[in-house]
Structure formats: structure tokens, C-alpha cells
Protein backbone atom coordinates (compact mmCIF):
# COMPACT_ATOMS: atom_id res chain seq x y z
CA MET A 1 0.41 5.09 14.10
CA THR A 2 1.34 1.98 16.08
CA LYS A 3 3.24 -0.84 14.37
CA TYR A 4 4.22 -3.78 16.55
CA GLY A 5 7.21 -6.03 16.03
CA PHE A 6 9.93 -8.13 17.68
CA ALA A 7 13.64 -7.44 18.16
CA ILE A 8 15.44 -10.66 19.10
CA ASN A 9 19.02 -10.57 20.36
CA LEU A 10 20.63 -13.78 19.13
CA HIS A 11 23.63 -13.32 21.43
CA ARG A 12 21.40 -13.42 24.51
CA CYS A 13 19.26 -16.42 23.46
CA VAL A 14 20.47 -19.58 25.22
CA GLY A 15 17.98 -21.96 23.61
CA CYS A 16 16.11 -22.67 26.85
CA ARG A 17 12.69 -22.46 25.16
CA THR A 18 11.13 -20.61 28.06
CA CYS A 19 9.52 -18.41 25.39
CA THR A 20 7.92 -21.47 23.80
CA ILE A 21 6.54 -22.82 27.08
CA SER A 22 5.34 -19.49 28.45
CA CYS A 23 3.53 -18.82 25.16
CA LYS A 24 1.83 -22.23 25.33
CA MET A 25 0.69 -21.51 28.88
CA GLU A 26 -0.50 -17.95 28.19
CA ASN A 27 -2.37 -18.81 25.00
CA GLY A 28 -3.56 -22.37 25.64
CA VAL A 29 -1.62 -23.64 22.63
CA ALA A 30 -2.55 -27.22 21.75
CA SER A 31 -0.24 -30.12 22.50
CA GLY A 32 2.38 -30.64 19.80
CA LEU A 33 2.19 -27.05 18.50
CA GLN A 34 4.67 -24.24 19.08
CA ARG A 35 3.97 -20.61 18.32
CA MET A 36 7.59 -19.71 19.09
CA ARG A 37 9.99 -22.31 17.72
CA VAL A 38 13.62 -22.08 18.84
CA LEU A 39 15.82 -23.53 16.12
CA ASN A 40 19.43 -24.68 16.27
CA ALA A 41 21.98 -24.13 13.49
CA ASP A 42 20.46 -27.06 11.57
CA ASP A 43 16.96 -25.52 11.73
CA GLN A 44 15.85 -28.20 14.19
CA THR A 45 14.26 -27.87 17.62
CA VAL A 46 16.77 -30.10 19.42
CA TYR A 47 19.07 -29.09 22.26
CA ASP A 48 22.29 -31.01 21.87
CA LYS A 49 24.10 -30.31 18.61
CA PRO A 50 26.89 -27.74 18.73
CA THR A 51 28.50 -26.39 15.58
CA GLY A 52 32.23 -26.10 14.94
CA THR A 53 35.08 -28.36 15.96
CA TYR A 54 36.62 -28.77 19.39
CA PRO A 55 37.72 -26.61 21.12
CA ALA A 56 35.83 -23.93 19.18
CA LEU A 57 32.29 -25.21 19.65
CA ALA A 58 29.20 -23.03 19.66
CA LEU A 59 25.50 -23.42 20.30
CA GLU A 60 23.41 -21.05 18.23
CA TRP A 61 19.67 -20.54 18.56
CA VAL A 62 17.09 -18.60 16.56
CA PRO A 63 13.64 -18.01 18.07
CA VAL A 64 11.10 -17.98 15.22
CA PRO A 65 7.63 -16.57 15.87
CA CYS A 66 5.21 -15.40 13.19
CA GLN A 67 7.05 -12.61 11.40
CA HIS A 68 3.92 -10.39 11.16
CA CYS A 69 4.90 -9.49 7.60
CA ASP A 70 3.89 -6.27 5.87
CA GLU A 71 3.25 -8.30 2.71
CA ALA A 72 1.98 -11.42 4.46
CA PRO A 73 1.67 -14.26 1.94
CA CYS A 74 -0.59 -16.14 4.37
CA VAL A 75 -3.16 -13.33 4.25
CA ALA A 76 -3.07 -13.19 0.46
CA VAL A 77 -3.91 -16.88 0.00
CA CYS A 78 -6.59 -17.29 2.68
CA PRO A 79 -9.82 -18.21 0.84
CA THR A 80 -12.17 -17.16 3.66
CA GLY A 81 -10.51 -13.97 4.87
CA ALA A 82 -9.74 -15.61 8.23
CA SER A 83 -6.12 -14.42 8.07
CA THR A 84 -5.84 -10.65 8.24
CA LYS A 85 -3.36 -7.95 9.14
CA ARG A 86 -4.52 -5.49 11.78
CA ALA A 87 -3.86 -1.75 11.50
CA ASP A 88 -1.16 -2.12 14.19
CA GLY A 89 0.75 -4.66 12.06
CA ILE A 90 -0.26 -7.84 13.88
CA VAL A 91 -1.28 -10.73 11.61
CA VAL A 92 -4.17 -12.66 13.15
CA ILE A 93 -6.44 -15.61 12.38
CA ASP A 94 -10.18 -15.49 13.00
CA LYS A 95 -10.75 -19.06 14.24
CA GLU A 96 -14.47 -18.77 13.46
CA GLN A 97 -13.70 -18.17 9.76
CA CYS A 98 -10.74 -20.54 9.43
CA ILE A 99 -11.69 -23.76 7.65
CA GLY A 100 -8.35 -25.48 8.23
CA CYS A 101 -7.48 -25.71 4.53
CA ASP A 102 -3.79 -25.06 5.33
CA SER A 103 -3.24 -22.76 2.32
CA CYS A 104 -1.63 -20.24 4.65
CA ILE A 105 0.71 -22.88 6.08
CA ALA A 106 1.99 -23.65 2.60
CA ALA A 107 2.39 -19.94 1.81
CA CYS A 108 4.39 -19.02 4.93
CA PRO A 109 8.14 -19.23 4.18
CA TYR A 110 8.95 -19.11 7.91
CA GLY A 111 7.08 -22.24 9.02
CA ALA A 112 5.27 -20.09 11.57
CA ARG A 113 1.81 -21.62 11.07
CA GLN A 114 0.65 -25.07 12.14
CA HIS A 115 -2.53 -27.07 11.85
CA ASP A 116 -4.38 -27.61 15.13
CA ASP A 117 -5.93 -31.04 14.56
CA ALA A 118 -8.29 -30.82 17.55
CA ALA A 119 -9.81 -27.52 16.42
CA ASN A 120 -9.29 -28.11 12.66
CA THR A 121 -7.93 -24.58 12.35
CA VAL A 122 -4.54 -23.01 11.83
CA ASP A 123 -2.59 -21.67 14.81
CA LYS A 124 0.24 -19.13 15.03
CA CYS A 125 1.82 -16.41 17.17
CA THR A 126 -0.56 -13.52 17.80
CA LEU A 127 2.12 -11.29 19.34
CA CYS A 128 -0.02 -11.65 22.49
CA SER A 129 -2.47 -9.20 20.95
CA HIS A 130 -4.87 -9.84 23.84
CA ARG A 131 -2.24 -8.45 26.24
CA LEU A 132 -1.33 -5.50 24.03
CA ASP A 133 -5.03 -4.69 23.50
CA ALA A 134 -5.48 -4.69 27.30
CA GLY A 135 -2.68 -2.13 27.69
CA ILE A 136 -0.07 -4.64 28.90
CA ASP A 137 3.06 -3.64 27.01
CA THR A 138 4.83 -7.01 27.05
CA THR A 139 4.20 -10.34 25.39
CA MET A 140 4.51 -13.43 27.54
CA CYS A 141 7.62 -14.61 25.66
CA GLN A 142 9.30 -11.26 26.33
CA LEU A 143 8.29 -11.29 29.98
CA ALA A 144 9.46 -14.86 30.59
CA CYS A 145 12.78 -14.81 28.66
CA PRO A 146 15.53 -15.26 31.28
CA GLY A 147 18.19 -13.83 28.95
CA ARG A 148 16.07 -10.79 28.04
CA ALA A 149 16.67 -11.64 24.39
CA ILE A 150 13.17 -10.65 23.23
CA VAL A 151 11.90 -7.09 22.92
CA VAL A 152 8.40 -6.31 21.66
CA GLY A 153 7.07 -2.87 21.04
CA ASP A 154 5.94 -0.11 18.73
CA LEU A 155 8.35 0.29 15.83
CA ASP A 156 6.78 3.67 14.98
CA ASP A 157 7.52 5.12 18.43
CA ALA A 158 11.08 6.48 18.16
CA ALA A 159 11.37 6.48 21.97
CA SER A 160 10.53 2.76 22.30
CA GLU A 161 13.25 0.23 23.05
CA ILE A 162 12.54 -1.72 19.87
CA ALA A 163 12.71 1.37 17.64
CA LYS A 164 16.05 2.31 19.21
CA ILE A 165 17.44 -1.18 18.59
CA VAL A 166 16.35 -1.12 14.94
CA ALA A 167 17.73 2.41 14.43
CA GLU A 168 21.04 1.94 16.23
CA ARG A 169 22.01 -1.69 15.60
CA LYS A 170 22.71 -3.86 12.60
CA THR A 171 19.61 -6.02 12.23
CA THR A 172 18.64 -8.77 9.83
CA HIS A 173 15.47 -10.62 8.83
CA LEU A 174 14.94 -14.26 8.01
CA PHE A 175 14.68 -14.98 4.29
CA GLU A 176 15.07 -11.36 3.20
CA ASP A 177 14.88 -12.52 -0.43
CA GLN A 178 11.19 -13.40 0.09
CA LYS A 179 10.36 -9.65 0.29
CA THR A 180 7.53 -10.20 2.78
CA GLY A 181 8.50 -7.27 5.00
CA PRO A 182 8.87 -9.24 8.23
CA GLN A 183 8.58 -7.29 11.48
CA VAL A 184 10.96 -9.52 13.43
CA TYR A 185 14.40 -7.95 13.63
CA TYR A 186 17.32 -10.20 14.59
CA TRP A 187 20.46 -8.66 16.03
CA ASN A 188 23.54 -9.54 18.05
CA SER A 189 24.63 -7.38 20.97
CA MET A 190 28.24 -8.49 20.42
CA GLU A 191 28.36 -6.84 16.99
């Protein structure tokens, strides 16, 4: 069975936010919203704050899309059934059923959902499900990333690049204590 996810190499991310912009262009994301936030060490989306003390300064970035959790708290709290998890692991929102109550926003520990004021619905990363459904095996963020930090694929296919990364590298998840079963694996190619 197919189970989609992300593997994000934190060593290769340079904080350029090309993933954020390419996602907005591909998906028509409303002004002021970001489906792929790129956070600095202070969990902010600003460019200019290194950590450390001179001369040992560092800029660290963490791209944060929807985590497409196995136990998605956003799905559990949705009163209309607009938020669902597909058989392939992608968490989606049916915009026709979404009433914009924001229960799912409050339930998501990753801050991956945002209210679209113009549409009065909730918006989030769809893992470019429209591309995957059409047989295109890359998301726009993966395709556009100049550092090739983002890999998307089938975690259940042992021959896929993402499955090899997860099997062979030390990976972590955001907020592992939440026990949501996120399908975004963070790793560092220098470790």
C-alpha cells in the first residue's frame, strides 16, 4: 500500500523559502498564508537572526509543512468531517464541507493549518495531492528546492528514496511527545 511522506534534510536547507513561494504559486495559496513555513531557531519566519556567538555563528532552518499524521488530531476534532486522512496517508480538507470553525487549527500542534479569511475555510499543505494523483511523483516544494533538501515519496516502497533515507539515516519528528505519528522525517546529512 502507498503511504506518502516527507524527508527533509536540515543540513541542506538554506532558509531561502523557495518551497514556500513555489507552493503558493502551484496551489493558489491566499495572500498572507503559508503551507510550508520555514522557521529559524526561534521558531520565527525571519531571515536575519543567527544563533551562537562570534565567530561560531549558525543559521538553522526547519521547513514545516502539514505533518500528515497517522493519528491526526485535526481530523479527530473536525465537526463536519471536512478534514480526513486518505488511504495513502495524505491529510486533506474538503473545502465544500469546511465551515471555518478553526477547531482543527487549535488541535494541530505543528501550526500547519491557517484560516483563509477570503474563503472562510482552513488551508494547509496537501502534499500536492493533485500532482501525485496525476502520476507526477514530485511535489512543487521538492521540485523547486535549490538545495534538494526535500524528498517526497512512498514510505512503503522500500526502493524509494524516502524509504531508504528513513531506513538508513537517523531521523527525528517534531514534537514526538505528541504521539501523532507525523510522516515528516527530519534528518541531517552531516550526521
